[in-house]
């Protein structure tokens, strides 16, 4: 997985694959998102090609961390395999998911 923060520490874009192998890098990203003072955290997954169950779990952990801080976590741009996984797992009922 590759990532890039967009403008501030509350907006990050992912590309490539989000799998169990990325959990250490994801922890670092989550720490940076947590340090942000913005009320809304946006994770753009438009350029993410693949996500596995561990990747979904990482997003759930990020959501719980955001909730503890009274913030909203938005997932943006899911398509292809990632969009199908979000649909199968009903992520749209757990997250704010934007096109």
PDB file of N, CA and C in Angstrom:
ATOM      1  N   UNK A   1       0.840  -1.176   0.000  1.00  0.00           N
ATOM      2  CA  UNK A   1       0.000   0.000   0.000  1.00  0.00           C
ATOM      3  C   UNK A   1       0.889   1.244   0.000  1.00  0.00           C
ATOM      4  N   UNK A   2       0.411   2.237  -0.693  1.00  0.00           N
ATOM      5  CA  UNK A   2       1.039   3.553  -0.671  1.00  0.00           C
ATOM      6  C   UNK A   2       0.005   4.527  -0.128  1.00  0.00           C
ATOM      7  N   UNK A   3       0.472   5.592   0.478  1.00  0.00           N
ATOM      8  CA  UNK A   3      -0.450   6.582   1.021  1.00  0.00           C
ATOM      9  C   UNK A   3       0.131   7.973   0.861  1.00  0.00           C
ATOM     10  N   UNK A   4      -0.775   8.940   0.891  1.00  0.00           N
ATOM     11  CA  UNK A   4      -0.368  10.340   0.790  1.00  0.00           C
ATOM     12  C   UNK A   4      -1.361  11.188   1.569  1.00  0.00           C
ATOM     13  N   UNK A   5      -0.848  12.020   2.463  1.00  0.00           N
ATOM     14  CA  UNK A   5      -1.710  12.958   3.172  1.00  0.00           C
ATOM     15  C   UNK A   5      -1.975  14.145   2.261  1.00  0.00           C
ATOM     16  N   UNK A   6      -3.221  14.596   2.238  1.00  0.00           N
ATOM     17  CA  UNK A   6      -3.655  15.649   1.318  1.00  0.00           C
ATOM     18  C   UNK A   6      -3.956  16.930   2.076  1.00  0.00           C
ATOM     19  N   UNK A   7      -3.023  17.824   2.127  1.00  0.00           N
ATOM     20  CA  UNK A   7      -3.266  19.142   2.708  1.00  0.00           C
ATOM     21  C   UNK A   7      -3.149  19.213   4.213  1.00  0.00           C
ATOM     22  N   UNK A   8      -3.667  18.224   4.911  1.00  0.00           N
ATOM     23  CA  UNK A   8      -3.558  18.229   6.372  1.00  0.00           C
ATOM     24  C   UNK A   8      -3.538  16.797   6.880  1.00  0.00           C
ATOM     25  N   UNK A   9      -3.461  16.643   8.184  1.00  0.00           N
ATOM     26  CA  UNK A   9      -3.351  15.309   8.766  1.00  0.00           C
ATOM     27  C   UNK A   9      -4.688  14.607   8.937  1.00  0.00           C
ATOM     28  N   UNK A  10      -5.765  15.166   8.385  1.00  0.00           N
ATOM     29  CA  UNK A  10      -7.081  14.538   8.504  1.00  0.00           C
ATOM     30  C   UNK A  10      -7.578  13.977   7.171  1.00  0.00           C
ATOM     31  N   UNK A  11      -6.767  14.071   6.129  1.00  0.00           N
ATOM     32  CA  UNK A  11      -7.151  13.576   4.804  1.00  0.00           C
ATOM     33  C   UNK A  11      -6.009  12.769   4.220  1.00  0.00           C
ATOM     34  N   UNK A  12      -6.271  11.492   3.982  1.00  0.00           N
ATOM     35  CA  UNK A  12      -5.232  10.618   3.449  1.00  0.00           C
ATOM     36  C   UNK A  12      -5.814   9.808   2.286  1.00  0.00           C
ATOM     37  N   UNK A  13      -4.982   9.578   1.278  1.00  0.00           N
ATOM     38  CA  UNK A  13      -5.362   8.760   0.118  1.00  0.00           C
ATOM     39  C   UNK A  13      -4.517   7.494   0.124  1.00  0.00           C
ATOM     40  N   UNK A  14      -5.182   6.370  -0.123  1.00  0.00           N
ATOM     41  CA  UNK A  14      -4.499   5.082  -0.228  1.00  0.00           C
ATOM     42  C   UNK A  14      -4.480   4.637  -1.676  1.00  0.00           C
ATOM     43  N   UNK A  15      -3.440   3.901  -2.041  1.00  0.00           N
ATOM     44  CA  UNK A  15      -3.396   3.274  -3.358  1.00  0.00           C
ATOM     45  C   UNK A  15      -2.711   1.921  -3.223  1.00  0.00           C
ATOM     46  N   UNK A  16      -2.942   1.068  -4.227  1.00  0.00           N
ATOM     47  CA  UNK A  16      -2.378  -0.274  -4.187  1.00  0.00           C
ATOM     48  C   UNK A  16      -3.304  -1.228  -3.454  1.00  0.00           C
ATOM     49  N   UNK A  17      -2.733  -2.067  -2.599  1.00  0.00           N
ATOM     50  CA  UNK A  17      -3.473  -3.075  -1.839  1.00  0.00           C
ATOM     51  C   UNK A  17      -3.369  -2.785  -0.348  1.00  0.00           C
ATOM     52  N   UNK A  18      -4.468  -2.969   0.376  1.00  0.00           N
ATOM     53  CA  UNK A  18      -4.473  -2.831   1.835  1.00  0.00           C
ATOM     54  C   UNK A  18      -4.704  -4.216   2.420  1.00  0.00           C
ATOM     55  N   UNK A  19      -3.638  -4.807   2.966  1.00  0.00           N
ATOM     56  CA  UNK A  19      -3.683  -6.170   3.474  1.00  0.00           C
ATOM     57  C   UNK A  19      -3.016  -6.244   4.843  1.00  0.00           C
ATOM     58  N   UNK A  20      -3.021  -7.427   5.409  1.00  0.00           N
ATOM     59  CA  UNK A  20      -2.407  -7.648   6.708  1.00  0.00           C
ATOM     60  C   UNK A  20      -0.955  -7.163   6.731  1.00  0.00           C
ATOM     61  N   UNK A  21      -0.264  -7.290   5.634  1.00  0.00           N
ATOM     62  CA  UNK A  21       1.143  -6.875   5.569  1.00  0.00           C
ATOM     63  C   UNK A  21       1.326  -5.389   5.846  1.00  0.00           C
ATOM     64  N   UNK A  22       0.256  -4.615   5.765  1.00  0.00           N
ATOM     65  CA  UNK A  22       0.332  -3.162   5.939  1.00  0.00           C
ATOM     66  C   UNK A  22      -0.016  -2.690   7.348  1.00  0.00           C
ATOM     67  N   UNK A  23      -0.223  -3.617   8.278  1.00  0.00           N
ATOM     68  CA  UNK A  23      -0.737  -3.205   9.584  1.00  0.00           C
ATOM     69  C   UNK A  23       0.201  -2.274  10.343  1.00  0.00           C
ATOM     70  N   UNK A  24       1.490  -2.435  10.236  1.00  0.00           N
ATOM     71  CA  UNK A  24       2.413  -1.531  10.946  1.00  0.00           C
ATOM     72  C   UNK A  24       2.371  -0.128  10.340  1.00  0.00           C
ATOM     73  N   UNK A  25       2.350  -0.049   9.024  1.00  0.00           N
ATOM     74  CA  UNK A  25       2.260   1.247   8.363  1.00  0.00           C
ATOM     75  C   UNK A  25       0.915   1.899   8.691  1.00  0.00           C
ATOM     76  N   UNK A  26      -0.148   1.104   8.735  1.00  0.00           N
ATOM     77  CA  UNK A  26      -1.464   1.653   9.037  1.00  0.00           C
ATOM     78  C   UNK A  26      -1.507   2.240  10.444  1.00  0.00           C
ATOM     79  N   UNK A  27      -0.813   1.614  11.385  1.00  0.00           N
ATOM     80  CA  UNK A  27      -0.757   2.153  12.757  1.00  0.00           C
ATOM     81  C   UNK A  27      -0.152   3.551  12.758  1.00  0.00           C
ATOM     82  N   UNK A  28       0.895   3.743  11.986  1.00  0.00           N
ATOM     83  CA  UNK A  28       1.532   5.060  11.895  1.00  0.00           C
ATOM     84  C   UNK A  28       0.580   6.080  11.273  1.00  0.00           C
ATOM     85  N   UNK A  29      -0.137   5.672  10.234  1.00  0.00           N
ATOM     86  CA  UNK A  29      -1.113   6.556   9.600  1.00  0.00           C
ATOM     87  C   UNK A  29      -2.215   6.900  10.596  1.00  0.00           C
ATOM     88  N   UNK A  30      -2.708   5.902  11.318  1.00  0.00           N
ATOM     89  CA  UNK A  30      -3.775   6.115  12.304  1.00  0.00           C
ATOM     90  C   UNK A  30      -3.320   7.073  13.402  1.00  0.00           C
ATOM     91  N   UNK A  31      -2.075   6.960  13.830  1.00  0.00           N
ATOM     92  CA  UNK A  31      -1.549   7.879  14.842  1.00  0.00           C
ATOM     93  C   UNK A  31      -1.562   9.313  14.328  1.00  0.00           C
ATOM     94  N   UNK A  32      -1.189   9.488  13.087  1.00  0.00           N
ATOM     95  CA  UNK A  32      -1.180  10.837  12.498  1.00  0.00           C
ATOM     96  C   UNK A  32      -2.608  11.368  12.345  1.00  0.00           C
ATOM     97  N   UNK A  33      -3.545  10.515  11.925  1.00  0.00           N
ATOM     98  CA  UNK A  33      -4.943  10.932  11.828  1.00  0.00           C
ATOM     99  C   UNK A  33      -5.494  11.296  13.200  1.00  0.00           C
ATOM    100  N   UNK A  34      -5.140  10.522  14.204  1.00  0.00           N
ATOM    101  CA  UNK A  34      -5.611  10.768  15.575  1.00  0.00           C
ATOM    102  C   UNK A  34      -5.091  12.103  16.102  1.00  0.00           C
ATOM    103  N   UNK A  35      -3.904  12.495  15.695  1.00  0.00           N
ATOM    104  CA  UNK A  35      -3.307  13.746  16.165  1.00  0.00           C
ATOM    105  C   UNK A  35      -3.968  14.976  15.544  1.00  0.00           C
ATOM    106  N   UNK A  36      -4.686  14.785  14.459  1.00  0.00           N
ATOM    107  CA  UNK A  36      -5.388  15.890  13.812  1.00  0.00           C
ATOM    108  C   UNK A  36      -6.479  16.425  14.732  1.00  0.00           C
ATOM    109  N   UNK A  37      -6.779  17.697  14.593  1.00  0.00           N
ATOM    110  CA  UNK A  37      -7.852  18.291  15.385  1.00  0.00           C
ATOM    111  C   UNK A  37      -9.142  18.454  14.584  1.00  0.00           C
ATOM    112  N   UNK A  38      -9.133  18.065  13.315  1.00  0.00           N
ATOM    113  CA  UNK A  38     -10.329  18.161  12.472  1.00  0.00           C
ATOM    114  C   UNK A  38     -11.428  17.237  12.989  1.00  0.00           C
ATOM    115  N   UNK A  39     -12.668  17.650  12.855  1.00  0.00           N
ATOM    116  CA  UNK A  39     -13.810  16.839  13.288  1.00  0.00           C
ATOM    117  C   UNK A  39     -14.103  15.695  12.331  1.00  0.00           C
ATOM    118  N   UNK A  40     -13.696  15.851  11.073  1.00  0.00           N
ATOM    119  CA  UNK A  40     -13.934  14.818  10.071  1.00  0.00           C
ATOM    120  C   UNK A  40     -12.602  14.321   9.531  1.00  0.00           C
ATOM    121  N   UNK A  41     -12.449  13.011   9.520  1.00  0.00           N
ATOM    122  CA  UNK A  41     -11.267  12.355   8.965  1.00  0.00           C
ATOM    123  C   UNK A  41     -11.704  11.672   7.674  1.00  0.00           C
ATOM    124  N   UNK A  42     -10.969  11.917   6.596  1.00  0.00           N
ATOM    125  CA  UNK A  42     -11.324  11.349   5.302  1.00  0.00           C
ATOM    126  C   UNK A  42     -10.217  10.402   4.846  1.00  0.00           C
ATOM    127  N   UNK A  43     -10.638   9.172   4.540  1.00  0.00           N
ATOM    128  CA  UNK A  43      -9.729   8.206   3.930  1.00  0.00           C
ATOM    129  C   UNK A  43     -10.234   7.962   2.522  1.00  0.00           C
ATOM    130  N   UNK A  44      -9.449   8.397   1.544  1.00  0.00           N
ATOM    131  CA  UNK A  44      -9.805   8.252   0.133  1.00  0.00           C
ATOM    132  C   UNK A  44      -9.251   6.914  -0.359  1.00  0.00           C
ATOM    133  N   UNK A  45     -10.148   6.038  -0.765  1.00  0.00           N
ATOM    134  CA  UNK A  45      -9.754   4.702  -1.227  1.00  0.00           C
ATOM    135  C   UNK A  45      -9.962   4.534  -2.729  1.00  0.00           C
ATOM    136  N   UNK A  46     -10.157   5.643  -3.442  1.00  0.00           N
ATOM    137  CA  UNK A  46     -10.439   5.587  -4.876  1.00  0.00           C
ATOM    138  C   UNK A  46      -9.343   4.870  -5.662  1.00  0.00           C
ATOM    139  N   UNK A  47      -8.113   4.970  -5.225  1.00  0.00           N
ATOM    140  CA  UNK A  47      -6.997   4.330  -5.929  1.00  0.00           C
ATOM    141  C   UNK A  47      -6.538   3.043  -5.268  1.00  0.00           C
ATOM    142  N   UNK A  48      -7.343   2.547  -4.348  1.00  0.00           N
ATOM    143  CA  UNK A  48      -7.042   1.264  -3.707  1.00  0.00           C
ATOM    144  C   UNK A  48      -7.568   0.160  -4.620  1.00  0.00           C
ATOM    145  N   UNK A  49      -6.695  -0.774  -4.997  1.00  0.00           N
ATOM    146  CA  UNK A  49      -7.065  -1.844  -5.922  1.00  0.00           C
ATOM    147  C   UNK A  49      -7.649  -3.057  -5.218  1.00  0.00           C
ATOM    148  N   UNK A  50      -7.224  -3.292  -3.983  1.00  0.00           N
ATOM    149  CA  UNK A  50      -7.605  -4.527  -3.279  1.00  0.00           C
ATOM    150  C   UNK A  50      -7.591  -4.281  -1.785  1.00  0.00           C
ATOM    151  N   UNK A  51      -8.541  -4.901  -1.092  1.00  0.00           N
ATOM    152  CA  UNK A  51      -8.560  -4.882   0.364  1.00  0.00           C
ATOM    153  C   UNK A  51      -8.951  -6.276   0.841  1.00  0.00           C
ATOM    154  N   UNK A  52      -8.255  -6.779   1.859  1.00  0.00           N
ATOM    155  CA  UNK A  52      -8.626  -8.073   2.425  1.00  0.00           C
ATOM    156  C   UNK A  52      -9.305  -7.859   3.778  1.00  0.00           C
ATOM    157  N   UNK A  53      -9.629  -8.942   4.457  1.00  0.00           N
ATOM    158  CA  UNK A  53     -10.344  -8.830   5.730  1.00  0.00           C
ATOM    159  C   UNK A  53      -9.530  -8.078   6.772  1.00  0.00           C
ATOM    160  N   UNK A  54      -8.224  -8.232   6.748  1.00  0.00           N
ATOM    161  CA  UNK A  54      -7.380  -7.490   7.694  1.00  0.00           C
ATOM    162  C   UNK A  54      -7.441  -5.998   7.397  1.00  0.00           C
ATOM    163  N   UNK A  55      -7.451  -5.634   6.128  1.00  0.00           N
ATOM    164  CA  UNK A  55      -7.587  -4.222   5.741  1.00  0.00           C
ATOM    165  C   UNK A  55      -8.911  -3.650   6.201  1.00  0.00           C
ATOM    166  N   UNK A  56      -9.981  -4.419   6.045  1.00  0.00           N
ATOM    167  CA  UNK A  56     -11.287  -3.988   6.545  1.00  0.00           C
ATOM    168  C   UNK A  56     -11.234  -3.794   8.058  1.00  0.00           C
ATOM    169  N   UNK A  57     -10.568  -4.718   8.740  1.00  0.00           N
ATOM    170  CA  UNK A  57     -10.429  -4.615  10.195  1.00  0.00           C
ATOM    171  C   UNK A  57      -9.672  -3.365  10.611  1.00  0.00           C
ATOM    172  N   UNK A  58      -8.652  -2.998   9.845  1.00  0.00           N
ATOM    173  CA  UNK A  58      -7.887  -1.787  10.151  1.00  0.00           C
ATOM    174  C   UNK A  58      -8.778  -0.556  10.043  1.00  0.00           C
ATOM    175  N   UNK A  59      -9.638  -0.531   9.033  1.00  0.00           N
ATOM    176  CA  UNK A  59     -10.564   0.599   8.888  1.00  0.00           C
ATOM    177  C   UNK A  59     -11.558   0.641  10.052  1.00  0.00           C
ATOM    178  N   UNK A  60     -11.985  -0.524  10.516  1.00  0.00           N
ATOM    179  CA  UNK A  60     -12.885  -0.567  11.674  1.00  0.00           C
ATOM    180  C   UNK A  60     -12.199  -0.037  12.929  1.00  0.00           C
ATOM    181  N   UNK A  61     -10.938  -0.378  13.106  1.00  0.00           N
ATOM    182  CA  UNK A  61     -10.179   0.130  14.253  1.00  0.00           C
ATOM    183  C   UNK A  61     -10.051   1.651  14.160  1.00  0.00           C
ATOM    184  N   UNK A  62      -9.762   2.155  12.965  1.00  0.00           N
ATOM    185  CA  UNK A  62      -9.661   3.608  12.777  1.00  0.00           C
ATOM    186  C   UNK A  62     -10.993   4.278  13.096  1.00  0.00           C
ATOM    187  N   UNK A  63     -12.094   3.640  12.712  1.00  0.00           N
ATOM    188  CA  UNK A  63     -13.430   4.177  13.003  1.00  0.00           C
ATOM    189  C   UNK A  63     -13.665   4.257  14.507  1.00  0.00           C
ATOM    190  N   UNK A  64     -13.298   3.219  15.226  1.00  0.00           N
ATOM    191  CA  UNK A  64     -13.480   3.217  16.680  1.00  0.00           C
ATOM    192  C   UNK A  64     -12.628   4.286  17.346  1.00  0.00           C
ATOM    193  N   UNK A  65     -11.406   4.463  16.873  1.00  0.00           N
ATOM    194  CA  UNK A  65     -10.542   5.507  17.413  1.00  0.00           C
ATOM    195  C   UNK A  65     -11.146   6.887  17.164  1.00  0.00           C
ATOM    196  N   UNK A  66     -11.676   7.088  15.963  1.00  0.00           N
ATOM    197  CA  UNK A  66     -12.315   8.366  15.640  1.00  0.00           C
ATOM    198  C   UNK A  66     -13.524   8.603  16.557  1.00  0.00           C
ATOM    199  N   UNK A  67     -14.320   7.568  16.773  1.00  0.00           N
ATOM    200  CA  UNK A  67     -15.499   7.695  17.647  1.00  0.00           C
ATOM    201  C   UNK A  67     -15.111   8.100  19.064  1.00  0.00           C
ATOM    202  N   UNK A  68     -14.031   7.505  19.567  1.00  0.00           N
ATOM    203  CA  UNK A  68     -13.565   7.839  20.921  1.00  0.00           C
ATOM    204  C   UNK A  68     -13.222   9.319  21.037  1.00  0.00           C
ATOM    205  N   UNK A  69     -12.810   9.910  19.922  1.00  0.00           N
ATOM    206  CA  UNK A  69     -12.414  11.324  19.902  1.00  0.00           C
ATOM    207  C   UNK A  69     -13.544  12.227  19.399  1.00  0.00           C
ATOM    208  N   UNK A  70     -14.750  11.665  19.293  1.00  0.00           N
ATOM    209  CA  UNK A  70     -15.927  12.402  18.804  1.00  0.00           C
ATOM    210  C   UNK A  70     -15.711  12.968  17.400  1.00  0.00           C
ATOM    211  N   UNK A  71     -15.119  12.146  16.551  1.00  0.00           N
ATOM    212  CA  UNK A  71     -14.885  12.529  15.168  1.00  0.00           C
ATOM    213  C   UNK A  71     -15.610  11.572  14.240  1.00  0.00           C
ATOM    214  N   UNK A  72     -15.791  12.007  13.014  1.00  0.00           N
ATOM    215  CA  UNK A  72     -16.422  11.188  11.993  1.00  0.00           C
ATOM    216  C   UNK A  72     -15.353  10.710  11.024  1.00  0.00           C
ATOM    217  N   UNK A  73     -15.403   9.436  10.678  1.00  0.00           N
ATOM    218  CA  UNK A  73     -14.494   8.882   9.679  1.00  0.00           C
ATOM    219  C   UNK A  73     -15.283   8.638   8.404  1.00  0.00           C
ATOM    220  N   UNK A  74     -14.830   9.247   7.319  1.00  0.00           N
ATOM    221  CA  UNK A  74     -15.483   9.126   6.018  1.00  0.00           C
ATOM    222  C   UNK A  74     -14.576   8.322   5.098  1.00  0.00           C
ATOM    223  N   UNK A  75     -15.165   7.338   4.411  1.00  0.00           N
ATOM    224  CA  UNK A  75     -14.455   6.595   3.373  1.00  0.00           C
ATOM    225  C   UNK A  75     -14.946   7.123   2.037  1.00  0.00           C
ATOM    226  N   UNK A  76     -14.021   7.446   1.157  1.00  0.00           N
ATOM    227  CA  UNK A  76     -14.393   8.106  -0.096  1.00  0.00           C
ATOM    228  C   UNK A  76     -13.857   7.334  -1.310  1.00  0.00           C
ATOM    229  N   UNK A  77     -14.727   7.166  -2.307  1.00  0.00           N
ATOM    230  CA  UNK A  77     -14.292   6.710  -3.621  1.00  0.00           C
ATOM    231  C   UNK A  77     -14.130   5.215  -3.816  1.00  0.00           C
ATOM    232  N   UNK A  78     -14.772   4.386  -3.009  1.00  0.00           N
ATOM    233  CA  UNK A  78     -14.619   2.938  -3.157  1.00  0.00           C
ATOM    234  C   UNK A  78     -15.179   2.478  -4.493  1.00  0.00           C
ATOM    235  N   UNK A  79     -14.396   1.675  -5.201  1.00  0.00           N
ATOM    236  CA  UNK A  79     -14.840   1.120  -6.479  1.00  0.00           C
ATOM    237  C   UNK A  79     -14.167  -0.230  -6.687  1.00  0.00           C
ATOM    238  N   UNK A  80     -14.586  -0.941  -7.708  1.00  0.00           N
ATOM    239  CA  UNK A  80     -13.994  -2.234  -8.021  1.00  0.00           C
ATOM    240  C   UNK A  80     -14.118  -3.212  -6.868  1.00  0.00           C
ATOM    241  N   UNK A  81     -13.073  -3.967  -6.612  1.00  0.00           N
ATOM    242  CA  UNK A  81     -13.070  -4.978  -5.557  1.00  0.00           C
ATOM    243  C   UNK A  81     -13.310  -4.351  -4.193  1.00  0.00           C
ATOM    244  N   UNK A  82     -12.760  -3.176  -3.963  1.00  0.00           N
ATOM    245  CA  UNK A  82     -12.931  -2.491  -2.676  1.00  0.00           C
ATOM    246  C   UNK A  82     -14.401  -2.123  -2.481  1.00  0.00           C
ATOM    247  N   UNK A  83     -15.032  -1.587  -3.492  1.00  0.00           N
ATOM    248  CA  UNK A  83     -16.452  -1.250  -3.419  1.00  0.00           C
ATOM    249  C   UNK A  83     -17.305  -2.482  -3.167  1.00  0.00           C
ATOM    250  N   UNK A  84     -16.970  -3.594  -3.839  1.00  0.00           N
ATOM    251  CA  UNK A  84     -17.719  -4.833  -3.622  1.00  0.00           C
ATOM    252  C   UNK A  84     -17.556  -5.333  -2.193  1.00  0.00           C
ATOM    253  N   UNK A  85     -16.344  -5.244  -1.666  1.00  0.00           N
ATOM    254  CA  UNK A  85     -16.110  -5.671  -0.278  1.00  0.00           C
ATOM    255  C   UNK A  85     -16.887  -4.799   0.695  1.00  0.00           C
ATOM    256  N   UNK A  86     -16.912  -3.493   0.446  1.00  0.00           N
ATOM    257  CA  UNK A  86     -17.687  -2.594   1.309  1.00  0.00           C
ATOM    258  C   UNK A  86     -19.164  -2.967   1.258  1.00  0.00           C
ATOM    259  N   UNK A  87     -19.651  -3.321   0.079  1.00  0.00           N
ATOM    260  CA  UNK A  87     -21.047  -3.719  -0.058  1.00  0.00           C
ATOM    261  C   UNK A  87     -21.346  -5.024   0.655  1.00  0.00           C
ATOM    262  N   UNK A  88     -20.474  -6.017   0.481  1.00  0.00           N
ATOM    263  CA  UNK A  88     -20.670  -7.321   1.116  1.00  0.00           C
ATOM    264  C   UNK A  88     -20.651  -7.231   2.633  1.00  0.00           C
ATOM    265  N   UNK A  89     -19.817  -6.358   3.149  1.00  0.00           N
ATOM    266  CA  UNK A  89     -19.655  -6.243   4.605  1.00  0.00           C
ATOM    267  C   UNK A  89     -20.533  -5.162   5.216  1.00  0.00           C
ATOM    268  N   UNK A  90     -21.351  -4.506   4.372  1.00  0.00           N
ATOM    269  CA  UNK A  90     -22.278  -3.460   4.833  1.00  0.00           C
ATOM    270  C   UNK A  90     -21.549  -2.285   5.483  1.00  0.00           C
ATOM    271  N   UNK A  91     -20.374  -1.959   4.945  1.00  0.00           N
ATOM    272  CA  UNK A  91     -19.616  -0.834   5.496  1.00  0.00           C
ATOM    273  C   UNK A  91     -20.398   0.470   5.421  1.00  0.00           C
ATOM    274  N   UNK A  92     -21.313   0.568   4.460  1.00  0.00           N
ATOM    275  CA  UNK A  92     -22.105   1.796   4.358  1.00  0.00           C
ATOM    276  C   UNK A  92     -23.025   1.998   5.561  1.00  0.00           C
ATOM    277  N   UNK A  93     -23.245   0.948   6.349  1.00  0.00           N
ATOM    278  CA  UNK A  93     -24.047   1.095   7.576  1.00  0.00           C
ATOM    279  C   UNK A  93     -23.169   1.447   8.781  1.00  0.00           C
ATOM    280  N   UNK A  94     -21.863   1.251   8.639  1.00  0.00           N
ATOM    281  CA  UNK A  94     -20.925   1.500   9.725  1.00  0.00           C
ATOM    282  C   UNK A  94     -20.161   2.811   9.555  1.00  0.00           C
ATOM    283  N   UNK A  95     -19.993   3.218   8.309  1.00  0.00           N
ATOM    284  CA  UNK A  95     -19.201   4.393   7.965  1.00  0.00           C
ATOM    285  C   UNK A  95     -20.049   5.342   7.133  1.00  0.00           C
ATOM    286  N   UNK A  96     -19.586   6.559   7.055  1.00  0.00           N
ATOM    287  CA  UNK A  96     -20.086   7.470   6.038  1.00  0.00           C
ATOM    288  C   UNK A  96     -19.252   7.158   4.800  1.00  0.00           C
ATOM    289  N   UNK A  97     -19.909   6.642   3.762  1.00  0.00           N
ATOM    290  CA  UNK A  97     -19.205   6.260   2.529  1.00  0.00           C
ATOM    291  C   UNK A  97     -19.666   7.202   1.426  1.00  0.00           C
ATOM    292  N   UNK A  98     -18.709   7.898   0.825  1.00  0.00           N
ATOM    293  CA  UNK A  98     -18.991   8.834  -0.267  1.00  0.00           C
ATOM    294  C   UNK A  98     -18.491   8.277  -1.579  1.00  0.00           C
ATOM    295  N   UNK A  99     -19.178   8.629  -2.650  1.00  0.00           N
ATOM    296  CA  UNK A  99     -18.776   8.167  -3.996  1.00  0.00           C
ATOM    297  C   UNK A  99     -17.506   8.840  -4.440  1.00  0.00           C
TER     298      UNK A  99
END
